[in-house]
Amino acid sequence: MRIVENCSRPKYLKPTLIAEVRLYGETTGRNTKVIRQGDLNVCYAEVDGEFHRQTAWLQLGLEEFKPGETRTVGFHFVSENKAVSVFKRNGSFFIGSATPIGEAQIVCW
């Protein structure tokens, strides 16, 4: 997948997993953030009573991902093996740092 030219990561990264992602809308008051290709995003889930956090690039192509949208996207995690094992057990995870801005349901890994 293509990463924007000014990103310090390689232009093509294999997705660690693929998920159906729903960004919360602005009307809920929970999200006004647009996600762009090359943005690092914090993803997290509670699995087996433990809170797990991983950083990932969403593979969006050239289109921005806007609040209120739902889309199937690839995720490339900084710690690939750890992220896959933790998130696939749960089957879903949240996106956002202090407050969730969306949720992801894993489609495949």
Protein backbone atom coordinates (compact mmCIF):
# COMPACT_ATOMS: atom_id res chain seq x y z
CA MET A 1 0.00 0.00 0.00
CA ARG A 2 1.21 3.50 -0.77
CA ILE A 3 2.36 5.81 2.02
CA VAL A 4 2.54 9.57 1.44
CA GLU A 5 5.84 10.84 0.08
CA ASN A 6 6.87 12.79 3.20
CA CYS A 7 6.39 9.80 5.51
CA SER A 8 9.61 8.36 6.91
CA ARG A 9 8.31 4.76 6.49
CA PRO A 10 8.62 2.73 3.27
CA LYS A 11 6.05 3.55 0.57
CA TYR A 12 4.66 0.02 0.53
CA LEU A 13 3.80 -1.90 3.68
CA LYS A 14 2.08 -5.26 3.95
CA PRO A 15 -1.00 -5.01 6.19
CA THR A 16 -0.73 -6.79 9.54
CA LEU A 17 -4.50 -7.25 9.56
CA ILE A 18 -7.60 -5.97 7.80
CA ALA A 19 -10.59 -4.54 9.66
CA GLU A 20 -13.96 -2.92 9.05
CA VAL A 21 -13.53 0.48 10.71
CA ARG A 22 -16.23 2.90 11.80
CA LEU A 23 -15.10 6.38 12.75
CA TYR A 24 -17.49 8.02 15.18
CA GLY A 25 -19.30 11.02 13.73
CA GLU A 26 -19.01 14.64 14.72
CA THR A 27 -22.64 14.62 15.83
CA THR A 28 -21.77 12.33 18.74
CA GLY A 29 -19.26 14.91 19.97
CA ARG A 30 -16.64 12.16 20.20
CA ASN A 31 -14.69 12.70 16.99
CA THR A 32 -13.69 15.52 14.72
CA LYS A 33 -10.39 13.97 13.58
CA VAL A 34 -9.77 13.19 9.91
CA ILE A 35 -7.28 10.34 9.39
CA ARG A 36 -4.89 10.63 6.45
CA GLN A 37 -2.51 8.14 4.85
CA GLY A 38 0.75 8.22 6.80
CA ASP A 39 -0.82 9.25 10.15
CA LEU A 40 0.16 7.05 13.09
CA ASN A 41 -2.85 5.97 15.14
CA VAL A 42 -3.10 4.45 18.61
CA CYS A 43 -5.21 1.29 18.72
CA TYR A 44 -6.25 -0.42 21.93
CA ALA A 45 -8.38 -3.17 23.45
CA GLU A 46 -8.98 -4.83 26.78
CA VAL A 47 -8.14 -8.52 26.44
CA ASP A 48 -8.28 -11.00 29.33
CA GLY A 49 -8.54 -8.16 31.83
CA GLU A 50 -5.42 -6.39 30.49
CA PHE A 51 -5.32 -3.12 28.56
CA HIS A 52 -3.27 -3.41 25.32
CA ARG A 53 -2.14 -0.51 23.16
CA GLN A 54 -0.42 -0.62 19.75
CA THR A 55 0.49 2.00 17.15
CA ALA A 56 -0.48 1.50 13.52
CA TRP A 57 -0.71 3.08 10.10
CA LEU A 58 -4.12 2.74 8.45
CA GLN A 59 -3.71 1.99 4.75
CA LEU A 60 -6.11 4.44 3.16
CA GLY A 61 -4.69 5.22 -0.26
CA LEU A 62 -5.18 8.84 -1.24
CA GLU A 63 -8.60 9.34 0.33
CA GLU A 64 -9.01 10.88 3.78
CA PHE A 65 -11.02 8.91 6.34
CA LYS A 66 -13.58 11.32 7.78
CA PRO A 67 -15.74 11.18 10.93
CA GLY A 68 -18.96 9.24 10.39
CA GLU A 69 -17.49 7.02 7.64
CA THR A 70 -17.15 3.24 7.67
CA ARG A 71 -14.58 1.51 5.53
CA THR A 72 -12.53 -1.71 5.29
CA VAL A 73 -8.83 -0.86 5.67
CA GLY A 74 -5.49 -2.53 6.22
CA PHE A 75 -3.51 -1.85 9.39
CA HIS A 76 0.27 -2.00 9.55
CA PHE A 77 1.30 -2.21 13.21
CA VAL A 78 4.69 -1.08 14.48
CA SER A 79 4.91 -4.33 16.55
CA GLU A 80 3.29 -6.70 14.05
CA ASN A 81 3.39 -10.02 15.90
CA LYS A 82 2.29 -8.60 19.24
CA ALA A 83 -0.59 -6.64 17.71
CA VAL A 84 -1.97 -9.57 15.75
CA SER A 85 -1.91 -11.96 18.70
CA VAL A 86 -3.51 -9.47 21.10
CA PHE A 87 -6.20 -8.01 18.84
CA LYS A 88 -7.23 -11.19 17.04
CA ARG A 89 -8.11 -12.83 20.37
CA ASN A 90 -10.53 -9.98 21.03
CA GLY A 91 -11.77 -9.68 17.43
CA SER A 92 -12.12 -5.93 17.69
CA PHE A 93 -10.35 -2.84 19.03
CA PHE A 94 -10.71 0.93 19.38
CA ILE A 95 -8.83 3.71 17.60
CA GLY A 96 -7.78 6.89 19.44
CA SER A 97 -5.41 7.89 22.19
CA ALA A 98 -7.16 9.46 25.19
CA THR A 99 -10.70 9.13 23.81
CA PRO A 100 -11.85 6.59 21.21
CA ILE A 101 -12.54 8.12 17.79
CA GLY A 102 -13.63 4.85 16.19
CA GLU A 103 -13.80 1.08 16.40
CA ALA A 104 -12.47 -1.73 14.25
CA GLN A 105 -13.87 -5.23 13.71
CA ILE A 106 -11.17 -7.58 12.40
CA VAL A 107 -11.99 -9.15 9.03
CA CYS A 108 -8.77 -11.15 8.48
CA TRP A 109 -5.08 -11.32 9.43
